[in-house]
């Protein structure tokens, strides 16, 4: 991680950064002049201290909490895809390219978040991919593997969106988080497309109805992951009341498909809790 590049990026969105940080920035530069491994190892601590003084300790802690929350989810997804690819005969050759790309993306997300957090990064937990027995064939049956992947990716999209308001004060981190959010959305679409090609009645995007928000066909075990996805009211506007291209009002499923719904941190941690040992 190039700390000074990060400082330059933050200066673009906070013109007062120089006033906030001087002479702290000079102090960081002086640390690097020592040229020792000890000095380099101290950089993350010095950098964190500098930002706590510049923006307040509570803001720094909040950002780290969000990043560690994201890291826990990425650990789970990375482990899931690595284990899936290591399972002999699980993934058909025709789908290996898709799954490999997703696996590599998740591994990169873990590496990136760990590099940003430095010593503040939480360690990788132990996982039970069967979710305490809810998905006993997750690593032996490809359709079950895809069903769990479907849930992970859709939940990840909602989780990142849910944390965006907590990062508004740090546009550099917010930009990175939204970049990962976009990749998770592509993963979700790809997994859904694979499931559809295997006969599952599902679209590459979440499609709810007035009575059902879980469109995966997986069953009640993942209903909570899709709670609220059939919402049609955005910003106080009922989207179904808006005109469509045909001149009539917007169909319910179109109103649902036009928006993703966020999930808060506590809800997400509760939903993925069964996968953690």
C-alpha atoms as a PDB file:
ATOM      1  CA  UNK A   1       0.000   0.000   0.000  1.00  0.00           C
ATOM      2  CA  UNK A   2       1.497   3.373  -1.012  1.00  0.00           C
ATOM      3  CA  UNK A   3       0.506   5.676   1.818  1.00  0.00           C
ATOM      4  CA  UNK A   4       1.498   8.843   0.023  1.00  0.00           C
ATOM      5  CA  UNK A   5      -0.590   7.950  -3.024  1.00  0.00           C
ATOM      6  CA  UNK A   6      -3.551   7.539  -0.681  1.00  0.00           C
ATOM      7  CA  UNK A   7      -2.831  10.944   0.848  1.00  0.00           C
ATOM      8  CA  UNK A   8      -2.739  12.489  -2.632  1.00  0.00           C
ATOM      9  CA  UNK A   9      -6.082  10.863  -3.511  1.00  0.00           C
ATOM     10  CA  UNK A  10      -7.705  12.127  -0.316  1.00  0.00           C
ATOM     11  CA  UNK A  11      -6.386  15.626  -1.018  1.00  0.00           C
ATOM     12  CA  UNK A  12      -8.463  15.598  -4.214  1.00  0.00           C
ATOM     13  CA  UNK A  13     -11.702  15.281  -2.232  1.00  0.00           C
ATOM     14  CA  UNK A  14     -10.613  17.202   0.867  1.00  0.00           C
ATOM     15  CA  UNK A  15      -8.801  20.437  -0.032  1.00  0.00           C
ATOM     16  CA  UNK A  16      -8.294  21.139   3.680  1.00  0.00           C
ATOM     17  CA  UNK A  17      -6.223  18.005   4.188  1.00  0.00           C
ATOM     18  CA  UNK A  18      -2.951  19.923   4.268  1.00  0.00           C
ATOM     19  CA  UNK A  19      -4.234  22.130   7.080  1.00  0.00           C
ATOM     20  CA  UNK A  20      -5.530  19.119   8.964  1.00  0.00           C
ATOM     21  CA  UNK A  21      -2.336  17.075   8.709  1.00  0.00           C
ATOM     22  CA  UNK A  22       0.635  19.442   8.681  1.00  0.00           C
ATOM     23  CA  UNK A  23       3.046  18.912  10.293  1.00  0.00           C
ATOM     24  CA  UNK A  24       1.888  15.298  10.661  1.00  0.00           C
ATOM     25  CA  UNK A  25       2.597  14.556   7.002  1.00  0.00           C
ATOM     26  CA  UNK A  26       6.199  15.695   7.477  1.00  0.00           C
ATOM     27  CA  UNK A  27       6.427  13.423  10.491  1.00  0.00           C
ATOM     28  CA  UNK A  28       5.421  10.441   8.359  1.00  0.00           C
ATOM     29  CA  UNK A  29       8.037  11.352   5.759  1.00  0.00           C
ATOM     30  CA  UNK A  30      10.665  11.550   8.491  1.00  0.00           C
ATOM     31  CA  UNK A  31       9.794   8.023   9.612  1.00  0.00           C
ATOM     32  CA  UNK A  32      10.532   6.651   6.139  1.00  0.00           C
ATOM     33  CA  UNK A  33      13.953   8.310   6.118  1.00  0.00           C
ATOM     34  CA  UNK A  34      15.168   5.877   8.788  1.00  0.00           C
ATOM     35  CA  UNK A  35      15.245   3.183   6.096  1.00  0.00           C
ATOM     36  CA  UNK A  36      14.820   0.350   8.579  1.00  0.00           C
ATOM     37  CA  UNK A  37      12.322  -2.506   8.612  1.00  0.00           C
ATOM     38  CA  UNK A  38      11.135  -1.291  12.000  1.00  0.00           C
ATOM     39  CA  UNK A  39      10.312   2.132  10.590  1.00  0.00           C
ATOM     40  CA  UNK A  40       8.451   0.642   7.646  1.00  0.00           C
ATOM     41  CA  UNK A  41       6.500  -1.660   9.944  1.00  0.00           C
ATOM     42  CA  UNK A  42       5.490   1.379  11.997  1.00  0.00           C
ATOM     43  CA  UNK A  43       3.940   3.171   9.020  1.00  0.00           C
ATOM     44  CA  UNK A  44       0.405   1.752   9.361  1.00  0.00           C
ATOM     45  CA  UNK A  45       0.308   2.807  13.017  1.00  0.00           C
ATOM     46  CA  UNK A  46       1.614   6.279  12.212  1.00  0.00           C
ATOM     47  CA  UNK A  47      -0.812   6.606   9.314  1.00  0.00           C
ATOM     48  CA  UNK A  48      -3.764   5.602  11.483  1.00  0.00           C
ATOM     49  CA  UNK A  49      -2.706   8.021  14.218  1.00  0.00           C
ATOM     50  CA  UNK A  50      -2.398  10.834  11.682  1.00  0.00           C
ATOM     51  CA  UNK A  51      -5.946  10.283  10.438  1.00  0.00           C
ATOM     52  CA  UNK A  52      -7.372   9.957  13.927  1.00  0.00           C
ATOM     53  CA  UNK A  53      -5.945  13.378  14.747  1.00  0.00           C
ATOM     54  CA  UNK A  54      -7.050  14.853  11.428  1.00  0.00           C
ATOM     55  CA  UNK A  55     -10.604  13.517  11.345  1.00  0.00           C
ATOM     56  CA  UNK A  56     -11.299  12.208  14.825  1.00  0.00           C
ATOM     57  CA  UNK A  57     -10.858   8.770  16.368  1.00  0.00           C
ATOM     58  CA  UNK A  58     -14.482   7.733  16.019  1.00  0.00           C
ATOM     59  CA  UNK A  59     -14.488   8.167  12.242  1.00  0.00           C
ATOM     60  CA  UNK A  60     -11.373   6.008  11.869  1.00  0.00           C
ATOM     61  CA  UNK A  61     -12.823   3.269  14.057  1.00  0.00           C
ATOM     62  CA  UNK A  62     -16.070   3.307  12.091  1.00  0.00           C
ATOM     63  CA  UNK A  63     -14.253   2.898   8.794  1.00  0.00           C
ATOM     64  CA  UNK A  64     -12.164   0.032  10.167  1.00  0.00           C
ATOM     65  CA  UNK A  65     -15.319  -1.637  11.452  1.00  0.00           C
ATOM     66  CA  UNK A  66     -16.862  -1.465   7.980  1.00  0.00           C
ATOM     67  CA  UNK A  67     -13.699  -2.738   6.295  1.00  0.00           C
ATOM     68  CA  UNK A  68     -13.352  -5.634   8.734  1.00  0.00           C
ATOM     69  CA  UNK A  69     -17.019  -6.475   8.213  1.00  0.00           C
ATOM     70  CA  UNK A  70     -16.359  -6.598   4.469  1.00  0.00           C
ATOM     71  CA  UNK A  71     -13.208  -8.647   5.070  1.00  0.00           C
ATOM     72  CA  UNK A  72     -15.148 -11.281   7.023  1.00  0.00           C
ATOM     73  CA  UNK A  73     -17.567 -11.680   4.124  1.00  0.00           C
ATOM     74  CA  UNK A  74     -14.737 -11.845   1.603  1.00  0.00           C
ATOM     75  CA  UNK A  75     -12.925 -14.446   3.727  1.00  0.00           C
ATOM     76  CA  UNK A  76     -16.087 -16.577   3.590  1.00  0.00           C
ATOM     77  CA  UNK A  77     -16.539 -16.218  -0.169  1.00  0.00           C
ATOM     78  CA  UNK A  78     -12.843 -16.761  -0.883  1.00  0.00           C
ATOM     79  CA  UNK A  79     -12.779 -19.906   1.260  1.00  0.00           C
ATOM     80  CA  UNK A  80     -15.987 -21.151  -0.344  1.00  0.00           C
ATOM     81  CA  UNK A  81     -14.713 -20.880  -3.919  1.00  0.00           C
ATOM     82  CA  UNK A  82     -11.248 -22.195  -3.060  1.00  0.00           C
ATOM     83  CA  UNK A  83     -12.797 -25.239  -1.411  1.00  0.00           C
ATOM     84  CA  UNK A  84     -15.180 -25.713  -4.312  1.00  0.00           C
ATOM     85  CA  UNK A  85     -12.368 -25.707  -6.849  1.00  0.00           C
ATOM     86  CA  UNK A  86     -10.348 -28.084  -4.699  1.00  0.00           C
ATOM     87  CA  UNK A  87     -13.238 -30.582  -4.527  1.00  0.00           C
ATOM     88  CA  UNK A  88     -12.547 -33.267  -7.123  1.00  0.00           C
ATOM     89  CA  UNK A  89     -15.141 -33.442  -9.894  1.00  0.00           C
ATOM     90  CA  UNK A  90     -17.467 -30.849  -8.383  1.00  0.00           C
ATOM     91  CA  UNK A  91     -17.278 -28.125 -11.043  1.00  0.00           C
ATOM     92  CA  UNK A  92     -17.927 -29.117 -14.681  1.00  0.00           C
ATOM     93  CA  UNK A  93     -15.192 -28.237 -17.140  1.00  0.00           C
ATOM     94  CA  UNK A  94     -17.530 -25.925 -19.041  1.00  0.00           C
ATOM     95  CA  UNK A  95     -18.089 -23.743 -15.985  1.00  0.00           C
ATOM     96  CA  UNK A  96     -14.549 -23.826 -14.651  1.00  0.00           C
ATOM     97  CA  UNK A  97     -13.624 -20.539 -16.338  1.00  0.00           C
ATOM     98  CA  UNK A  98     -16.483 -18.660 -14.665  1.00  0.00           C
ATOM     99  CA  UNK A  99     -15.813 -20.090 -11.217  1.00  0.00           C
ATOM    100  CA  UNK A 100     -12.062 -19.546 -11.508  1.00  0.00           C
ATOM    101  CA  UNK A 101     -12.583 -15.877 -12.310  1.00  0.00           C
ATOM    102  CA  UNK A 102     -14.952 -15.436  -9.375  1.00  0.00           C
ATOM    103  CA  UNK A 103     -12.539 -17.288  -7.062  1.00  0.00           C
ATOM    104  CA  UNK A 104      -9.649 -15.071  -8.158  1.00  0.00           C
ATOM    105  CA  UNK A 105     -11.729 -11.920  -7.642  1.00  0.00           C
ATOM    106  CA  UNK A 106     -12.653 -12.958  -4.105  1.00  0.00           C
ATOM    107  CA  UNK A 107      -9.027 -13.740  -3.285  1.00  0.00           C
ATOM    108  CA  UNK A 108      -8.064 -10.294  -4.560  1.00  0.00           C
ATOM    109  CA  UNK A 109     -10.744  -8.663  -2.420  1.00  0.00           C
ATOM    110  CA  UNK A 110      -9.306 -10.355   0.656  1.00  0.00           C
ATOM    111  CA  UNK A 111      -5.769  -9.283  -0.214  1.00  0.00           C
ATOM    112  CA  UNK A 112      -6.862  -5.706  -0.885  1.00  0.00           C
ATOM    113  CA  UNK A 113      -8.843  -5.305   2.340  1.00  0.00           C
ATOM    114  CA  UNK A 114      -6.028  -6.826   4.387  1.00  0.00           C
ATOM    115  CA  UNK A 115      -3.530  -4.439   2.819  1.00  0.00           C
ATOM    116  CA  UNK A 116      -5.717  -1.425   3.603  1.00  0.00           C
ATOM    117  CA  UNK A 117      -6.393  -2.509   7.183  1.00  0.00           C
ATOM    118  CA  UNK A 118      -2.839  -3.606   7.908  1.00  0.00           C
ATOM    119  CA  UNK A 119      -2.457  -4.803  11.490  1.00  0.00           C
ATOM    120  CA  UNK A 120      -6.091  -3.860  12.188  1.00  0.00           C
ATOM    121  CA  UNK A 121      -7.329  -6.653   9.891  1.00  0.00           C
ATOM    122  CA  UNK A 122      -9.226  -9.451  11.608  1.00  0.00           C
ATOM    123  CA  UNK A 123      -7.862 -12.965  11.194  1.00  0.00           C
ATOM    124  CA  UNK A 124      -9.662 -15.443   8.951  1.00  0.00           C
ATOM    125  CA  UNK A 125     -12.212 -17.409  10.990  1.00  0.00           C
ATOM    126  CA  UNK A 126     -12.985 -21.105  10.627  1.00  0.00           C
ATOM    127  CA  UNK A 127     -15.952 -21.950   8.417  1.00  0.00           C
ATOM    128  CA  UNK A 128     -18.616 -24.629   8.120  1.00  0.00           C
ATOM    129  CA  UNK A 129     -19.796 -24.449   4.512  1.00  0.00           C
ATOM    130  CA  UNK A 130     -22.719 -26.747   5.268  1.00  0.00           C
ATOM    131  CA  UNK A 131     -24.137 -23.944   7.485  1.00  0.00           C
ATOM    132  CA  UNK A 132     -24.471 -26.369  10.389  1.00  0.00           C
ATOM    133  CA  UNK A 133     -26.091 -28.991   8.196  1.00  0.00           C
ATOM    134  CA  UNK A 134     -28.435 -26.811   6.129  1.00  0.00           C
ATOM    135  CA  UNK A 135     -26.445 -27.579   2.950  1.00  0.00           C
ATOM    136  CA  UNK A 136     -24.790 -30.967   3.597  1.00  0.00           C
ATOM    137  CA  UNK A 137     -23.922 -31.550  -0.091  1.00  0.00           C
ATOM    138  CA  UNK A 138     -22.417 -28.127  -0.763  1.00  0.00           C
ATOM    139  CA  UNK A 139     -19.049 -29.589  -1.822  1.00  0.00           C
ATOM    140  CA  UNK A 140     -20.359 -32.775  -3.423  1.00  0.00           C
ATOM    141  CA  UNK A 141     -23.361 -31.599  -5.452  1.00  0.00           C
ATOM    142  CA  UNK A 142     -22.769 -28.836  -7.999  1.00  0.00           C
ATOM    143  CA  UNK A 143     -26.326 -27.526  -7.934  1.00  0.00           C
ATOM    144  CA  UNK A 144     -26.134 -27.130  -4.158  1.00  0.00           C
ATOM    145  CA  UNK A 145     -22.768 -25.400  -4.526  1.00  0.00           C
ATOM    146  CA  UNK A 146     -24.314 -22.959  -7.021  1.00  0.00           C
ATOM    147  CA  UNK A 147     -27.315 -22.361  -4.765  1.00  0.00           C
ATOM    148  CA  UNK A 148     -25.061 -21.373  -1.875  1.00  0.00           C
ATOM    149  CA  UNK A 149     -22.920 -19.248  -4.218  1.00  0.00           C
ATOM    150  CA  UNK A 150     -26.103 -17.545  -5.426  1.00  0.00           C
ATOM    151  CA  UNK A 151     -26.999 -16.630  -1.854  1.00  0.00           C
ATOM    152  CA  UNK A 152     -23.477 -15.445  -0.968  1.00  0.00           C
ATOM    153  CA  UNK A 153     -23.222 -13.178  -3.997  1.00  0.00           C
ATOM    154  CA  UNK A 154     -26.693 -11.647  -3.684  1.00  0.00           C
ATOM    155  CA  UNK A 155     -26.127 -11.049   0.027  1.00  0.00           C
ATOM    156  CA  UNK A 156     -22.716  -9.523  -0.646  1.00  0.00           C
ATOM    157  CA  UNK A 157     -24.238  -6.998  -3.042  1.00  0.00           C
ATOM    158  CA  UNK A 158     -26.785  -5.949  -0.436  1.00  0.00           C
ATOM    159  CA  UNK A 159     -24.168  -5.875   2.330  1.00  0.00           C
ATOM    160  CA  UNK A 160     -21.829  -3.505   0.472  1.00  0.00           C
ATOM    161  CA  UNK A 161     -24.722  -1.237  -0.434  1.00  0.00           C
ATOM    162  CA  UNK A 162     -25.815  -1.181   3.190  1.00  0.00           C
ATOM    163  CA  UNK A 163     -22.434   0.151   4.312  1.00  0.00           C
ATOM    164  CA  UNK A 164     -22.148   2.944   1.733  1.00  0.00           C
ATOM    165  CA  UNK A 165     -23.754   5.579   4.037  1.00  0.00           C
ATOM    166  CA  UNK A 166     -21.162   4.762   6.719  1.00  0.00           C
ATOM    167  CA  UNK A 167     -18.349   5.611   4.316  1.00  0.00           C
ATOM    168  CA  UNK A 168     -19.614   8.945   3.004  1.00  0.00           C
ATOM    169  CA  UNK A 169     -17.025  10.768   5.102  1.00  0.00           C
ATOM    170  CA  UNK A 170     -14.185   8.853   3.435  1.00  0.00           C
ATOM    171  CA  UNK A 171     -14.621   9.040  -0.317  1.00  0.00           C
ATOM    172  CA  UNK A 172     -11.460   7.076  -1.086  1.00  0.00           C
ATOM    173  CA  UNK A 173     -12.669   4.056   0.891  1.00  0.00           C
ATOM    174  CA  UNK A 174     -16.216   4.547  -0.401  1.00  0.00           C
ATOM    175  CA  UNK A 175     -14.972   4.421  -3.993  1.00  0.00           C
ATOM    176  CA  UNK A 176     -13.100   1.172  -3.327  1.00  0.00           C
ATOM    177  CA  UNK A 177     -16.123  -0.375  -1.580  1.00  0.00           C
ATOM    178  CA  UNK A 178     -18.465   0.537  -4.430  1.00  0.00           C
ATOM    179  CA  UNK A 179     -15.973  -0.907  -6.907  1.00  0.00           C
ATOM    180  CA  UNK A 180     -16.124  -4.240  -5.046  1.00  0.00           C
ATOM    181  CA  UNK A 181     -19.925  -3.916  -4.867  1.00  0.00           C
ATOM    182  CA  UNK A 182     -20.068  -3.753  -8.670  1.00  0.00           C
ATOM    183  CA  UNK A 183     -17.920  -6.877  -9.004  1.00  0.00           C
ATOM    184  CA  UNK A 184     -20.103  -8.777  -6.536  1.00  0.00           C
ATOM    185  CA  UNK A 185     -23.119  -7.822  -8.640  1.00  0.00           C
ATOM    186  CA  UNK A 186     -21.468  -9.295 -11.739  1.00  0.00           C
ATOM    187  CA  UNK A 187     -20.680 -12.465  -9.810  1.00  0.00           C
ATOM    188  CA  UNK A 188     -24.307 -12.727  -8.710  1.00  0.00           C
ATOM    189  CA  UNK A 189     -25.518 -12.350 -12.285  1.00  0.00           C
ATOM    190  CA  UNK A 190     -23.049 -14.960 -13.572  1.00  0.00           C
ATOM    191  CA  UNK A 191     -24.005 -17.533 -10.924  1.00  0.00           C
ATOM    192  CA  UNK A 192     -27.689 -16.975 -11.607  1.00  0.00           C
ATOM    193  CA  UNK A 193     -27.088 -17.391 -15.355  1.00  0.00           C
ATOM    194  CA  UNK A 194     -25.293 -20.694 -14.739  1.00  0.00           C
ATOM    195  CA  UNK A 195     -28.156 -21.917 -12.554  1.00  0.00           C
ATOM    196  CA  UNK A 196     -30.669 -20.928 -15.256  1.00  0.00           C
ATOM    197  CA  UNK A 197     -28.665 -22.885 -17.842  1.00  0.00           C
ATOM    198  CA  UNK A 198     -29.041 -25.923 -15.582  1.00  0.00           C
ATOM    199  CA  UNK A 199     -32.834 -25.688 -15.512  1.00  0.00           C
ATOM    200  CA  UNK A 200     -33.502 -23.442 -12.512  1.00  0.00           C
ATOM    201  CA  UNK A 201     -36.340 -20.977 -13.082  1.00  0.00           C
ATOM    202  CA  UNK A 202     -34.383 -17.843 -12.226  1.00  0.00           C
ATOM    203  CA  UNK A 203     -33.303 -14.572 -13.833  1.00  0.00           C
ATOM    204  CA  UNK A 204     -29.778 -13.099 -13.743  1.00  0.00           C
ATOM    205  CA  UNK A 205     -31.242 -10.423 -11.436  1.00  0.00           C
ATOM    206  CA  UNK A 206     -33.420 -10.625  -8.311  1.00  0.00           C
ATOM    207  CA  UNK A 207     -37.109 -10.708  -9.212  1.00  0.00           C
ATOM    208  CA  UNK A 208     -39.641 -10.412  -6.404  1.00  0.00           C
ATOM    209  CA  UNK A 209     -43.400 -10.324  -6.254  1.00  0.00           C
ATOM    210  CA  UNK A 210     -45.927  -8.803  -3.909  1.00  0.00           C
ATOM    211  CA  UNK A 211     -45.816 -11.915  -1.714  1.00  0.00           C
ATOM    212  CA  UNK A 212     -42.343 -13.373  -2.333  1.00  0.00           C
ATOM    213  CA  UNK A 213     -38.895 -11.739  -2.126  1.00  0.00           C
ATOM    214  CA  UNK A 214     -36.784 -14.916  -2.366  1.00  0.00           C
ATOM    215  CA  UNK A 215     -36.693 -15.879  -6.057  1.00  0.00           C
ATOM    216  CA  UNK A 216     -33.851 -18.414  -5.843  1.00  0.00           C
ATOM    217  CA  UNK A 217     -35.840 -21.617  -5.485  1.00  0.00           C
ATOM    218  CA  UNK A 218     -33.491 -22.625  -2.663  1.00  0.00           C
ATOM    219  CA  UNK A 219     -36.193 -22.590  -0.013  1.00  0.00           C
ATOM    220  CA  UNK A 220     -36.920 -20.963   3.319  1.00  0.00           C
ATOM    221  CA  UNK A 221     -33.341 -21.427   4.534  1.00  0.00           C
ATOM    222  CA  UNK A 222     -32.354 -18.254   2.672  1.00  0.00           C
ATOM    223  CA  UNK A 223     -35.570 -16.249   2.939  1.00  0.00           C
ATOM    224  CA  UNK A 224     -33.852 -13.803   5.281  1.00  0.00           C
ATOM    225  CA  UNK A 225     -31.173 -13.048   2.709  1.00  0.00           C
ATOM    226  CA  UNK A 226     -33.856 -11.715   0.361  1.00  0.00           C
ATOM    227  CA  UNK A 227     -36.162 -10.037   2.879  1.00  0.00           C
ATOM    228  CA  UNK A 228     -37.313  -6.683   1.516  1.00  0.00           C
ATOM    229  CA  UNK A 229     -36.221  -7.368  -2.058  1.00  0.00           C
ATOM    230  CA  UNK A 230     -39.848  -7.038  -3.193  1.00  0.00           C
ATOM    231  CA  UNK A 231     -39.962  -3.418  -2.028  1.00  0.00           C
ATOM    232  CA  UNK A 232     -41.343  -1.024  -4.644  1.00  0.00           C
ATOM    233  CA  UNK A 233     -41.122   2.258  -2.721  1.00  0.00           C
ATOM    234  CA  UNK A 234     -37.939   4.258  -3.272  1.00  0.00           C
ATOM    235  CA  UNK A 235     -37.367   7.711  -1.796  1.00  0.00           C
ATOM    236  CA  UNK A 236     -41.024   7.897  -0.842  1.00  0.00           C
ATOM    237  CA  UNK A 237     -42.143   7.150  -4.395  1.00  0.00           C
ATOM    238  CA  UNK A 238     -44.140   4.040  -5.256  1.00  0.00           C
ATOM    239  CA  UNK A 239     -42.367   2.983  -8.442  1.00  0.00           C
ATOM    240  CA  UNK A 240     -45.396   1.032  -9.678  1.00  0.00           C
ATOM    241  CA  UNK A 241     -47.246   4.343 -10.003  1.00  0.00           C
ATOM    242  CA  UNK A 242     -44.733   5.668 -12.517  1.00  0.00           C
ATOM    243  CA  UNK A 243     -45.425   5.446 -16.269  1.00  0.00           C
ATOM    244  CA  UNK A 244     -43.684   2.743 -18.275  1.00  0.00           C
ATOM    245  CA  UNK A 245     -42.406   3.012 -21.844  1.00  0.00           C
ATOM    246  CA  UNK A 246     -45.737   1.667 -23.046  1.00  0.00           C
ATOM    247  CA  UNK A 247     -47.596   4.485 -21.331  1.00  0.00           C
ATOM    248  CA  UNK A 248     -49.107   2.321 -18.602  1.00  0.00           C
ATOM    249  CA  UNK A 249     -47.957   2.152 -15.008  1.00  0.00           C
ATOM    250  CA  UNK A 250     -44.842   0.137 -14.151  1.00  0.00           C
ATOM    251  CA  UNK A 251     -45.305  -3.590 -13.543  1.00  0.00           C
ATOM    252  CA  UNK A 252     -44.558  -4.873 -10.038  1.00  0.00           C
ATOM    253  CA  UNK A 253     -41.639  -7.067 -11.078  1.00  0.00           C
ATOM    254  CA  UNK A 254     -40.054  -4.224 -13.063  1.00  0.00           C
ATOM    255  CA  UNK A 255     -40.306  -1.910 -10.050  1.00  0.00           C
ATOM    256  CA  UNK A 256     -38.597  -4.566  -7.921  1.00  0.00           C
ATOM    257  CA  UNK A 257     -35.871  -5.340 -10.454  1.00  0.00           C
ATOM    258  CA  UNK A 258     -34.971  -1.658 -10.889  1.00  0.00           C
ATOM    259  CA  UNK A 259     -33.497  -1.367  -7.376  1.00  0.00           C
ATOM    260  CA  UNK A 260     -31.339  -3.389  -4.995  1.00  0.00           C
ATOM    261  CA  UNK A 261     -32.150  -3.167  -1.306  1.00  0.00           C
ATOM    262  CA  UNK A 262     -29.379  -2.673   1.295  1.00  0.00           C
ATOM    263  CA  UNK A 263     -28.825  -4.880   4.328  1.00  0.00           C
ATOM    264  CA  UNK A 264     -27.354  -3.546   7.559  1.00  0.00           C
ATOM    265  CA  UNK A 265     -24.294  -5.053   9.225  1.00  0.00           C
ATOM    266  CA  UNK A 266     -26.108  -6.799  12.095  1.00  0.00           C
ATOM    267  CA  UNK A 267     -28.581  -8.463   9.725  1.00  0.00           C
ATOM    268  CA  UNK A 268     -25.851  -9.718   7.397  1.00  0.00           C
ATOM    269  CA  UNK A 269     -23.733 -11.116  10.245  1.00  0.00           C
ATOM    270  CA  UNK A 270     -26.793 -12.930  11.554  1.00  0.00           C
ATOM    271  CA  UNK A 271     -27.569 -14.363   8.120  1.00  0.00           C
ATOM    272  CA  UNK A 272     -24.055 -15.696   7.486  1.00  0.00           C
ATOM    273  CA  UNK A 273     -23.544 -16.721  11.109  1.00  0.00           C
ATOM    274  CA  UNK A 274     -24.315 -20.431  10.492  1.00  0.00           C
ATOM    275  CA  UNK A 275     -21.331 -20.608   8.114  1.00  0.00           C
ATOM    276  CA  UNK A 276     -18.923 -19.502  10.857  1.00  0.00           C
ATOM    277  CA  UNK A 277     -17.537 -22.003  13.387  1.00  0.00           C
END
